[in-house]
Amino acid sequence: MNTELAADSPDRSRPVHQPVYETDNQSVLVFVTVCTKDRRPLLATPRMHQSLLTVWANASHWLVGRYVIMPDHLHLFCSPGVLPAEPLKPWVSYWKRLVTQTHGEQIWQRDFWDTQLRRHESYTAKWDYVRNNPVRAGLVTRTEDWPYQGELGILRWHG
């Protein structure tokens, strides 16, 4: 299947992971969403939060910045830890496998969604939307009350 057609198809069931596009003097920031298998609410716990932080800190080919962990999915922003950038899919598979091994059960959907951000405004707008997920879901009344969010590393945006 042609990946260009798949990316534009409204009924596309699998994400198309485009290669990271690098340009001089511009940061590479990618927005990633990963869901649990069968959308089971396994993620929003102190133990899972700590497990994710540990594996992200040790999976250094990509650096995690801001993130929000919801009960059945998570969102994160990441940037290459090495240049040229390694493909994103092996990195996501790696840390998903480590978390699965730690918890002893199949946790994740097979794939994930990713979008490379193109300009500073999209990073700010996307973060504002993501950090309000717990409020929209009725889990807290204020974004700052959700304990399963944070910033593992500061991702500098130069666009």
Protein backbone atom coordinates (compact mmCIF):
# COMPACT_ATOMS: atom_id res chain seq x y z
CA MET A 1 0.00 0.00 0.00
CA ASN A 2 1.27 3.45 -0.84
CA THR A 3 2.07 5.26 2.43
CA GLU A 4 1.07 8.63 1.00
CA LEU A 5 -2.40 7.31 0.22
CA ALA A 6 -2.64 5.58 3.57
CA ALA A 7 -1.76 8.78 5.41
CA ASP A 8 -4.54 10.66 3.64
CA SER A 9 -7.16 7.94 3.90
CA PRO A 10 -9.99 8.85 6.31
CA ASP A 11 -10.59 5.18 7.20
CA ARG A 12 -6.95 4.34 7.83
CA SER A 13 -6.73 1.82 10.68
CA ARG A 14 -2.95 1.76 11.15
CA PRO A 15 -0.74 4.77 11.75
CA VAL A 16 1.80 5.68 9.12
CA HIS A 17 5.09 6.46 10.86
CA GLN A 18 6.76 9.04 8.67
CA PRO A 19 10.53 9.49 8.95
CA VAL A 20 11.61 12.41 11.09
CA TYR A 21 12.24 15.50 9.00
CA GLU A 22 15.34 17.40 10.11
CA THR A 23 16.33 20.89 9.01
CA ASP A 24 19.19 23.16 10.05
CA ASN A 25 18.57 25.27 13.17
CA GLN A 26 15.18 23.69 13.89
CA SER A 27 14.29 21.39 16.72
CA VAL A 28 12.63 18.07 16.08
CA LEU A 29 9.63 17.51 18.35
CA VAL A 30 7.28 14.58 17.97
CA PHE A 31 3.91 14.13 19.68
CA VAL A 32 3.21 10.46 20.51
CA THR A 33 0.04 8.73 21.74
CA VAL A 34 0.16 5.14 22.99
CA CYS A 35 -2.94 3.20 24.12
CA THR A 36 -3.37 0.14 26.29
CA LYS A 37 -4.58 -3.11 24.76
CA ASP A 38 -8.39 -3.12 24.67
CA ARG A 39 -8.22 0.35 26.26
CA ARG A 40 -7.90 -1.21 29.72
CA PRO A 41 -7.39 1.41 32.50
CA LEU A 42 -3.94 0.25 33.66
CA LEU A 43 -1.72 3.31 33.43
CA ALA A 44 -2.80 5.98 35.94
CA THR A 45 -1.15 4.48 39.04
CA PRO A 46 1.91 5.56 41.02
CA ARG A 47 3.72 2.29 40.16
CA MET A 48 3.08 2.61 36.41
CA HIS A 49 4.00 6.29 36.46
CA GLN A 50 7.35 5.46 38.05
CA SER A 51 7.96 2.56 35.64
CA LEU A 52 7.37 4.80 32.64
CA LEU A 53 9.64 7.53 33.98
CA THR A 54 12.40 4.99 34.59
CA VAL A 55 12.26 3.38 31.14
CA TRP A 56 11.96 6.72 29.35
CA ALA A 57 15.01 8.05 31.22
CA ASN A 58 17.02 4.96 30.23
CA ALA A 59 15.81 4.71 26.61
CA SER A 60 18.09 7.50 25.46
CA HIS A 61 17.70 7.40 21.65
CA TRP A 62 14.73 9.72 22.18
CA LEU A 63 14.25 12.17 25.06
CA VAL A 64 10.86 12.60 26.69
CA GLY A 65 9.71 16.10 27.58
CA ARG A 66 6.16 16.79 28.72
CA TYR A 67 3.75 13.90 29.17
CA VAL A 68 0.29 13.04 30.47
CA ILE A 69 -0.61 9.51 31.53
CA MET A 70 -4.32 8.76 31.36
CA PRO A 71 -5.91 5.50 32.61
CA ASP A 72 -5.95 3.85 29.16
CA HIS A 73 -3.49 5.89 27.08
CA LEU A 74 -0.62 8.31 27.34
CA HIS A 75 0.64 11.33 25.43
CA LEU A 76 4.22 12.48 25.31
CA PHE A 77 6.43 14.89 23.46
CA CYS A 78 9.86 13.65 22.50
CA SER A 79 12.96 14.75 20.66
CA PRO A 80 15.90 12.77 19.27
CA GLY A 81 18.59 11.96 21.81
CA VAL A 82 21.06 11.19 19.01
CA LEU A 83 21.55 12.75 15.58
CA PRO A 84 20.79 11.78 12.99
CA ALA A 85 17.52 10.74 14.61
CA GLU A 86 16.93 7.02 15.03
CA PRO A 87 13.52 5.75 13.87
CA LEU A 88 10.82 6.31 16.47
CA LYS A 89 9.11 2.91 16.21
CA PRO A 90 11.97 0.79 17.66
CA TRP A 91 12.32 3.22 20.58
CA VAL A 92 8.61 3.03 21.42
CA SER A 93 8.68 -0.78 21.08
CA TYR A 94 11.70 -0.93 23.37
CA TRP A 95 10.21 0.98 26.30
CA LYS A 96 6.81 -0.69 25.87
CA ARG A 97 8.55 -4.07 26.13
CA LEU A 98 10.43 -3.03 29.28
CA VAL A 99 7.25 -1.82 30.99
CA THR A 100 5.46 -5.02 30.00
CA GLN A 101 8.28 -7.12 31.48
CA THR A 102 8.16 -5.15 34.73
CA HIS A 103 4.41 -5.58 35.13
CA GLY A 104 4.14 -9.16 33.86
CA GLU A 105 1.17 -8.70 31.54
CA GLN A 106 0.46 -7.49 28.04
CA ILE A 107 -0.32 -3.80 28.46
CA TRP A 108 -0.07 -2.08 25.08
CA GLN A 109 -1.82 -1.90 21.76
CA ARG A 110 0.51 -3.06 19.04
CA ASP A 111 1.07 0.33 17.43
CA PHE A 112 1.01 4.04 18.34
CA TRP A 113 0.29 7.43 16.77
CA ASP A 114 2.91 10.09 16.14
CA THR A 115 2.99 13.54 14.62
CA GLN A 116 6.05 15.69 14.08
CA LEU A 117 5.35 19.25 15.18
CA ARG A 118 6.17 21.92 12.64
CA ARG A 119 6.26 25.17 14.60
CA HIS A 120 6.32 26.54 18.13
CA GLU A 121 2.62 27.42 18.16
CA SER A 122 1.67 23.80 17.50
CA TYR A 123 3.73 22.66 20.51
CA THR A 124 2.05 25.14 22.85
CA ALA A 125 -1.43 24.43 21.47
CA LYS A 126 -0.94 20.66 21.56
CA TRP A 127 0.38 20.79 25.14
CA ASP A 128 -2.55 22.94 26.28
CA TYR A 129 -4.95 20.41 24.78
CA VAL A 130 -3.13 17.36 26.21
CA ARG A 131 -2.73 18.68 29.74
CA ASN A 132 -6.50 19.29 29.89
CA ASN A 133 -7.34 15.64 29.10
CA PRO A 134 -7.86 14.68 32.77
CA VAL A 135 -10.27 17.60 33.24
CA ARG A 136 -12.23 16.75 30.08
CA ALA A 137 -12.41 13.12 31.25
CA GLY A 138 -13.83 14.22 34.64
CA LEU A 139 -10.87 12.81 36.59
CA VAL A 140 -9.96 16.16 38.21
CA THR A 141 -11.35 19.68 38.17
CA ARG A 142 -8.01 21.44 37.62
CA THR A 143 -5.16 20.29 35.36
CA GLU A 144 -2.58 20.80 38.10
CA ASP A 145 -4.38 18.27 40.31
CA TRP A 146 -3.68 15.33 37.97
CA PRO A 147 -0.70 13.44 39.50
CA TYR A 148 0.26 11.46 36.36
CA GLN A 149 1.81 14.21 34.27
CA GLY A 150 5.02 16.13 34.17
CA GLU A 151 8.13 17.00 32.26
CA LEU A 152 10.97 14.48 32.27
CA GLY A 153 13.33 16.73 30.34
CA ILE A 154 13.09 20.19 28.85
CA LEU A 155 12.79 19.98 25.08
CA ARG A 156 14.04 23.18 23.53
CA TRP A 157 12.04 24.46 20.62
CA HIS A 158 13.92 26.38 17.96
CA GLY A 159 11.71 26.88 14.93
